[in-house]
């Protein structure tokens, strides 16, 4: 696990300032922005607190990369 992946995990556990719901059609484009570091940490906290999105993102970009 690299530093960026550890950061994502920590951010997913922090309480958000507001709750957001990510639409499924935005998953890939939002993930690309996160991977390209175009999303602020505050926004990632809000995004990763959408548990369905977090599950999808962690399965695709954290657990897959650890294999």
PDB file of N, CA and C in Angstrom:
ATOM      1  N   UNK A   1       0.853  -1.169   0.000  1.00  0.00           N
ATOM      2  CA  UNK A   1       0.000   0.000   0.000  1.00  0.00           C
ATOM      3  C   UNK A   1       0.903   1.237   0.000  1.00  0.00           C
ATOM      4  N   UNK A   2       0.607   2.154  -0.897  1.00  0.00           N
ATOM      5  CA  UNK A   2       1.428   3.362  -0.965  1.00  0.00           C
ATOM      6  C   UNK A   2       0.826   4.487  -0.123  1.00  0.00           C
ATOM      7  N   UNK A   3       1.541   5.597  -0.055  1.00  0.00           N
ATOM      8  CA  UNK A   3       1.122   6.729   0.773  1.00  0.00           C
ATOM      9  C   UNK A   3      -0.229   7.283   0.335  1.00  0.00           C
ATOM     10  N   UNK A   4      -0.438   7.376  -0.977  1.00  0.00           N
ATOM     11  CA  UNK A   4      -1.701   7.914  -1.482  1.00  0.00           C
ATOM     12  C   UNK A   4      -2.875   7.033  -1.062  1.00  0.00           C
ATOM     13  N   UNK A   5      -2.723   5.719  -1.143  1.00  0.00           N
ATOM     14  CA  UNK A   5      -3.792   4.808  -0.741  1.00  0.00           C
ATOM     15  C   UNK A   5      -4.070   4.928   0.750  1.00  0.00           C
ATOM     16  N   UNK A   6      -3.038   5.055   1.565  1.00  0.00           N
ATOM     17  CA  UNK A   6      -3.234   5.232   3.012  1.00  0.00           C
ATOM     18  C   UNK A   6      -3.977   6.530   3.294  1.00  0.00           C
ATOM     19  N   UNK A   7      -3.652   7.581   2.554  1.00  0.00           N
ATOM     20  CA  UNK A   7      -4.337   8.863   2.718  1.00  0.00           C
ATOM     21  C   UNK A   7      -5.818   8.722   2.405  1.00  0.00           C
ATOM     22  N   UNK A   8      -6.139   8.017   1.321  1.00  0.00           N
ATOM     23  CA  UNK A   8      -7.554   7.813   0.968  1.00  0.00           C
ATOM     24  C   UNK A   8      -8.292   7.097   2.085  1.00  0.00           C
ATOM     25  N   UNK A   9      -7.675   6.093   2.669  1.00  0.00           N
ATOM     26  CA  UNK A   9      -8.327   5.331   3.744  1.00  0.00           C
ATOM     27  C   UNK A   9      -8.576   6.233   4.948  1.00  0.00           C
ATOM     28  N   UNK A  10      -7.588   7.023   5.321  1.00  0.00           N
ATOM     29  CA  UNK A  10      -7.757   7.946   6.458  1.00  0.00           C
ATOM     30  C   UNK A  10      -8.867   8.946   6.164  1.00  0.00           C
ATOM     31  N   UNK A  11      -8.864   9.527   4.973  1.00  0.00           N
ATOM     32  CA  UNK A  11      -9.890  10.510   4.612  1.00  0.00           C
ATOM     33  C   UNK A  11     -11.290   9.900   4.628  1.00  0.00           C
ATOM     34  N   UNK A  12     -11.401   8.631   4.301  1.00  0.00           N
ATOM     35  CA  UNK A  12     -12.719   7.978   4.278  1.00  0.00           C
ATOM     36  C   UNK A  12     -13.297   7.830   5.671  1.00  0.00           C
ATOM     37  N   UNK A  13     -12.474   7.928   6.708  1.00  0.00           N
ATOM     38  CA  UNK A  13     -12.928   7.737   8.080  1.00  0.00           C
ATOM     39  C   UNK A  13     -13.202   9.039   8.821  1.00  0.00           C
ATOM     40  N   UNK A  14     -12.860  10.178   8.222  1.00  0.00           N
ATOM     41  CA  UNK A  14     -13.084  11.473   8.859  1.00  0.00           C
ATOM     42  C   UNK A  14     -14.522  11.932   8.655  1.00  0.00           C
ATOM     43  N   UNK A  15     -15.082  12.641   9.635  1.00  0.00           N
ATOM     44  CA  UNK A  15     -16.458  13.123   9.479  1.00  0.00           C
ATOM     45  C   UNK A  15     -16.529  14.259   8.449  1.00  0.00           C
ATOM     46  N   UNK A  16     -17.497  14.198   7.564  1.00  0.00           N
ATOM     47  CA  UNK A  16     -17.602  15.233   6.524  1.00  0.00           C
ATOM     48  C   UNK A  16     -18.265  16.496   7.050  1.00  0.00           C
ATOM     49  N   UNK A  17     -17.982  17.616   6.394  1.00  0.00           N
ATOM     50  CA  UNK A  17     -18.667  18.861   6.703  1.00  0.00           C
ATOM     51  C   UNK A  17     -20.100  18.834   6.192  1.00  0.00           C
ATOM     52  N   UNK A  18     -20.309  18.112   5.117  1.00  0.00           N
ATOM     53  CA  UNK A  18     -21.655  17.918   4.548  1.00  0.00           C
ATOM     54  C   UNK A  18     -21.682  16.561   3.859  1.00  0.00           C
ATOM     55  N   UNK A  19     -22.858  16.006   3.745  1.00  0.00           N
ATOM     56  CA  UNK A  19     -23.010  14.694   3.113  1.00  0.00           C
ATOM     57  C   UNK A  19     -23.283  14.885   1.620  1.00  0.00           C
ATOM     58  N   UNK A  20     -22.647  14.067   0.811  1.00  0.00           N
ATOM     59  CA  UNK A  20     -22.895  14.096  -0.627  1.00  0.00           C
ATOM     60  C   UNK A  20     -23.218  12.686  -1.100  1.00  0.00           C
ATOM     61  N   UNK A  21     -23.951  12.598  -2.183  1.00  0.00           N
ATOM     62  CA  UNK A  21     -24.274  11.324  -2.816  1.00  0.00           C
ATOM     63  C   UNK A  21     -23.728  11.387  -4.232  1.00  0.00           C
ATOM     64  N   UNK A  22     -22.866  10.430  -4.564  1.00  0.00           N
ATOM     65  CA  UNK A  22     -22.249  10.404  -5.884  1.00  0.00           C
ATOM     66  C   UNK A  22     -23.118   9.555  -6.820  1.00  0.00           C
ATOM     67  N   UNK A  23     -23.479  10.123  -7.964  1.00  0.00           N
ATOM     68  CA  UNK A  23     -24.243   9.366  -8.963  1.00  0.00           C
ATOM     69  C   UNK A  23     -23.323   8.357  -9.644  1.00  0.00           C
ATOM     70  N   UNK A  24     -23.868   7.189  -9.960  1.00  0.00           N
ATOM     71  CA  UNK A  24     -23.049   6.122 -10.525  1.00  0.00           C
ATOM     72  C   UNK A  24     -22.395   6.515 -11.845  1.00  0.00           C
ATOM     73  N   UNK A  25     -23.030   7.362 -12.636  1.00  0.00           N
ATOM     74  CA  UNK A  25     -22.423   7.761 -13.908  1.00  0.00           C
ATOM     75  C   UNK A  25     -21.189   8.647 -13.703  1.00  0.00           C
ATOM     76  N   UNK A  26     -20.987   9.166 -12.483  1.00  0.00           N
ATOM     77  CA  UNK A  26     -19.824  10.011 -12.193  1.00  0.00           C
ATOM     78  C   UNK A  26     -18.649   9.245 -11.599  1.00  0.00           C
ATOM     79  N   UNK A  27     -18.829   7.979 -11.283  1.00  0.00           N
ATOM     80  CA  UNK A  27     -17.806   7.210 -10.569  1.00  0.00           C
ATOM     81  C   UNK A  27     -16.446   7.246 -11.261  1.00  0.00           C
ATOM     82  N   UNK A  28     -16.408   6.894 -12.527  1.00  0.00           N
ATOM     83  CA  UNK A  28     -15.130   6.800 -13.244  1.00  0.00           C
ATOM     84  C   UNK A  28     -14.448   8.160 -13.382  1.00  0.00           C
ATOM     85  N   UNK A  29     -15.197   9.186 -13.763  1.00  0.00           N
ATOM     86  CA  UNK A  29     -14.582  10.501 -13.957  1.00  0.00           C
ATOM     87  C   UNK A  29     -14.101  11.087 -12.634  1.00  0.00           C
ATOM     88  N   UNK A  30     -14.860  10.871 -11.576  1.00  0.00           N
ATOM     89  CA  UNK A  30     -14.445  11.352 -10.262  1.00  0.00           C
ATOM     90  C   UNK A  30     -13.203  10.600  -9.779  1.00  0.00           C
ATOM     91  N   UNK A  31     -13.164   9.302 -10.004  1.00  0.00           N
ATOM     92  CA  UNK A  31     -11.989   8.507  -9.631  1.00  0.00           C
ATOM     93  C   UNK A  31     -10.760   9.000 -10.383  1.00  0.00           C
ATOM     94  N   UNK A  32     -10.915   9.325 -11.646  1.00  0.00           N
ATOM     95  CA  UNK A  32      -9.778   9.833 -12.426  1.00  0.00           C
ATOM     96  C   UNK A  32      -9.268  11.144 -11.835  1.00  0.00           C
ATOM     97  N   UNK A  33     -10.186  12.024 -11.452  1.00  0.00           N
ATOM     98  CA  UNK A  33      -9.781  13.288 -10.836  1.00  0.00           C
ATOM     99  C   UNK A  33      -9.062  13.055  -9.501  1.00  0.00           C
ATOM    100  N   UNK A  34      -9.541  12.093  -8.726  1.00  0.00           N
ATOM    101  CA  UNK A  34      -8.893  11.774  -7.452  1.00  0.00           C
ATOM    102  C   UNK A  34      -7.497  11.223  -7.709  1.00  0.00           C
ATOM    103  N   UNK A  35      -7.373  10.307  -8.648  1.00  0.00           N
ATOM    104  CA  UNK A  35      -6.070   9.727  -8.969  1.00  0.00           C
ATOM    105  C   UNK A  35      -5.097  10.765  -9.521  1.00  0.00           C
ATOM    106  N   UNK A  36      -5.608  11.756 -10.242  1.00  0.00           N
ATOM    107  CA  UNK A  36      -4.782  12.824 -10.803  1.00  0.00           C
ATOM    108  C   UNK A  36      -4.557  13.964  -9.804  1.00  0.00           C
ATOM    109  N   UNK A  37      -5.031  13.772  -8.569  1.00  0.00           N
ATOM    110  CA  UNK A  37      -4.881  14.741  -7.476  1.00  0.00           C
ATOM    111  C   UNK A  37      -5.493  16.102  -7.804  1.00  0.00           C
ATOM    112  N   UNK A  38      -6.649  16.070  -8.443  1.00  0.00           N
ATOM    113  CA  UNK A  38      -7.365  17.295  -8.786  1.00  0.00           C
ATOM    114  C   UNK A  38      -8.473  17.605  -7.780  1.00  0.00           C
ATOM    115  N   UNK A  39      -8.614  16.772  -6.736  1.00  0.00           N
ATOM    116  CA  UNK A  39      -9.673  16.926  -5.749  1.00  0.00           C
ATOM    117  C   UNK A  39      -9.027  17.249  -4.404  1.00  0.00           C
ATOM    118  N   UNK A  40      -9.545  18.273  -3.723  1.00  0.00           N
ATOM    119  CA  UNK A  40      -8.984  18.662  -2.423  1.00  0.00           C
ATOM    120  C   UNK A  40      -9.295  17.604  -1.364  1.00  0.00           C
ATOM    121  N   UNK A  41      -8.509  17.624  -0.283  1.00  0.00           N
ATOM    122  CA  UNK A  41      -8.743  16.677   0.808  1.00  0.00           C
ATOM    123  C   UNK A  41     -10.134  16.869   1.417  1.00  0.00           C
ATOM    124  N   UNK A  42     -10.576  18.113   1.578  1.00  0.00           N
ATOM    125  CA  UNK A  42     -11.908  18.349   2.138  1.00  0.00           C
ATOM    126  C   UNK A  42     -12.996  17.742   1.262  1.00  0.00           C
ATOM    127  N   UNK A  43     -12.848  17.877  -0.039  1.00  0.00           N
ATOM    128  CA  UNK A  43     -13.829  17.282  -0.951  1.00  0.00           C
ATOM    129  C   UNK A  43     -13.766  15.766  -0.908  1.00  0.00           C
ATOM    130  N   UNK A  44     -12.552  15.207  -0.791  1.00  0.00           N
ATOM    131  CA  UNK A  44     -12.434  13.750  -0.718  1.00  0.00           C
ATOM    132  C   UNK A  44     -13.095  13.204   0.537  1.00  0.00           C
ATOM    133  N   UNK A  45     -13.005  13.929   1.644  1.00  0.00           N
ATOM    134  CA  UNK A  45     -13.679  13.493   2.868  1.00  0.00           C
ATOM    135  C   UNK A  45     -15.167  13.356   2.605  1.00  0.00           C
ATOM    136  N   UNK A  46     -15.755  14.374   1.976  1.00  0.00           N
ATOM    137  CA  UNK A  46     -17.186  14.335   1.671  1.00  0.00           C
ATOM    138  C   UNK A  46     -17.514  13.221   0.685  1.00  0.00           C
ATOM    139  N   UNK A  47     -16.696  13.074  -0.344  1.00  0.00           N
ATOM    140  CA  UNK A  47     -16.937  12.056  -1.372  1.00  0.00           C
ATOM    141  C   UNK A  47     -16.827  10.653  -0.783  1.00  0.00           C
ATOM    142  N   UNK A  48     -15.775  10.395  -0.008  1.00  0.00           N
ATOM    143  CA  UNK A  48     -15.539   9.061   0.531  1.00  0.00           C
ATOM    144  C   UNK A  48     -16.529   8.691   1.639  1.00  0.00           C
ATOM    145  N   UNK A  49     -17.283   9.657   2.156  1.00  0.00           N
ATOM    146  CA  UNK A  49     -18.303   9.314   3.131  1.00  0.00           C
ATOM    147  C   UNK A  49     -19.588   8.828   2.479  1.00  0.00           C
ATOM    148  N   UNK A  50     -19.647   8.850   1.154  1.00  0.00           N
ATOM    149  CA  UNK A  50     -20.696   8.125   0.434  1.00  0.00           C
ATOM    150  C   UNK A  50     -20.210   6.675   0.428  1.00  0.00           C
ATOM    151  N   UNK A  51     -20.761   5.871   1.315  1.00  0.00           N
ATOM    152  CA  UNK A  51     -20.238   4.520   1.555  1.00  0.00           C
ATOM    153  C   UNK A  51     -20.299   3.621   0.324  1.00  0.00           C
ATOM    154  N   UNK A  52     -21.289   3.828  -0.523  1.00  0.00           N
ATOM    155  CA  UNK A  52     -21.386   3.013  -1.736  1.00  0.00           C
ATOM    156  C   UNK A  52     -20.244   3.378  -2.684  1.00  0.00           C
ATOM    157  N   UNK A  53     -19.993   4.680  -2.827  1.00  0.00           N
ATOM    158  CA  UNK A  53     -18.877   5.102  -3.680  1.00  0.00           C
ATOM    159  C   UNK A  53     -17.554   4.632  -3.081  1.00  0.00           C
ATOM    160  N   UNK A  54     -17.402   4.792  -1.758  1.00  0.00           N
ATOM    161  CA  UNK A  54     -16.159   4.371  -1.117  1.00  0.00           C
ATOM    162  C   UNK A  54     -15.917   2.878  -1.337  1.00  0.00           C
ATOM    163  N   UNK A  55     -16.929   2.064  -1.221  1.00  0.00           N
ATOM    164  CA  UNK A  55     -16.772   0.624  -1.438  1.00  0.00           C
ATOM    165  C   UNK A  55     -16.313   0.352  -2.876  1.00  0.00           C
ATOM    166  N   UNK A  56     -16.944   1.003  -3.839  1.00  0.00           N
ATOM    167  CA  UNK A  56     -16.557   0.832  -5.242  1.00  0.00           C
ATOM    168  C   UNK A  56     -15.113   1.287  -5.452  1.00  0.00           C
ATOM    169  N   UNK A  57     -14.767   2.481  -4.968  1.00  0.00           N
ATOM    170  CA  UNK A  57     -13.432   3.046  -5.165  1.00  0.00           C
ATOM    171  C   UNK A  57     -12.359   2.186  -4.494  1.00  0.00           C
ATOM    172  N   UNK A  58     -12.606   1.777  -3.260  1.00  0.00           N
ATOM    173  CA  UNK A  58     -11.594   0.981  -2.549  1.00  0.00           C
ATOM    174  C   UNK A  58     -11.406  -0.389  -3.194  1.00  0.00           C
ATOM    175  N   UNK A  59     -12.484  -0.992  -3.662  1.00  0.00           N
ATOM    176  CA  UNK A  59     -12.348  -2.281  -4.351  1.00  0.00           C
ATOM    177  C   UNK A  59     -11.572  -2.146  -5.655  1.00  0.00           C
ATOM    178  N   UNK A  60     -11.797  -1.050  -6.359  1.00  0.00           N
ATOM    179  CA  UNK A  60     -11.165  -0.878  -7.666  1.00  0.00           C
ATOM    180  C   UNK A  60      -9.744  -0.323  -7.583  1.00  0.00           C
ATOM    181  N   UNK A  61      -9.491   0.589  -6.670  1.00  0.00           N
ATOM    182  CA  UNK A  61      -8.209   1.292  -6.680  1.00  0.00           C
ATOM    183  C   UNK A  61      -7.311   1.020  -5.481  1.00  0.00           C
ATOM    184  N   UNK A  62      -7.806   0.341  -4.466  1.00  0.00           N
ATOM    185  CA  UNK A  62      -6.941   0.019  -3.328  1.00  0.00           C
ATOM    186  C   UNK A  62      -6.729  -1.482  -3.258  1.00  0.00           C
ATOM    187  N   UNK A  63      -7.790  -2.226  -3.124  1.00  0.00           N
ATOM    188  CA  UNK A  63      -7.655  -3.666  -2.981  1.00  0.00           C
ATOM    189  C   UNK A  63      -7.113  -4.318  -4.246  1.00  0.00           C
ATOM    190  N   UNK A  64      -7.510  -3.832  -5.394  1.00  0.00           N
ATOM    191  CA  UNK A  64      -7.020  -4.390  -6.662  1.00  0.00           C
ATOM    192  C   UNK A  64      -5.523  -4.148  -6.827  1.00  0.00           C
ATOM    193  N   UNK A  65      -5.085  -2.968  -6.430  1.00  0.00           N
ATOM    194  CA  UNK A  65      -3.665  -2.639  -6.561  1.00  0.00           C
ATOM    195  C   UNK A  65      -2.799  -3.381  -5.552  1.00  0.00           C
ATOM    196  N   UNK A  66      -3.411  -3.885  -4.480  1.00  0.00           N
ATOM    197  CA  UNK A  66      -2.642  -4.613  -3.470  1.00  0.00           C
ATOM    198  C   UNK A  66      -2.390  -6.053  -3.873  1.00  0.00           C
ATOM    199  N   UNK A  67      -3.144  -6.563  -4.838  1.00  0.00           N
ATOM    200  CA  UNK A  67      -3.007  -7.964  -5.248  1.00  0.00           C
ATOM    201  C   UNK A  67      -1.748  -8.194  -6.037  1.00  0.00           C
TER     202      UNK A  67
END
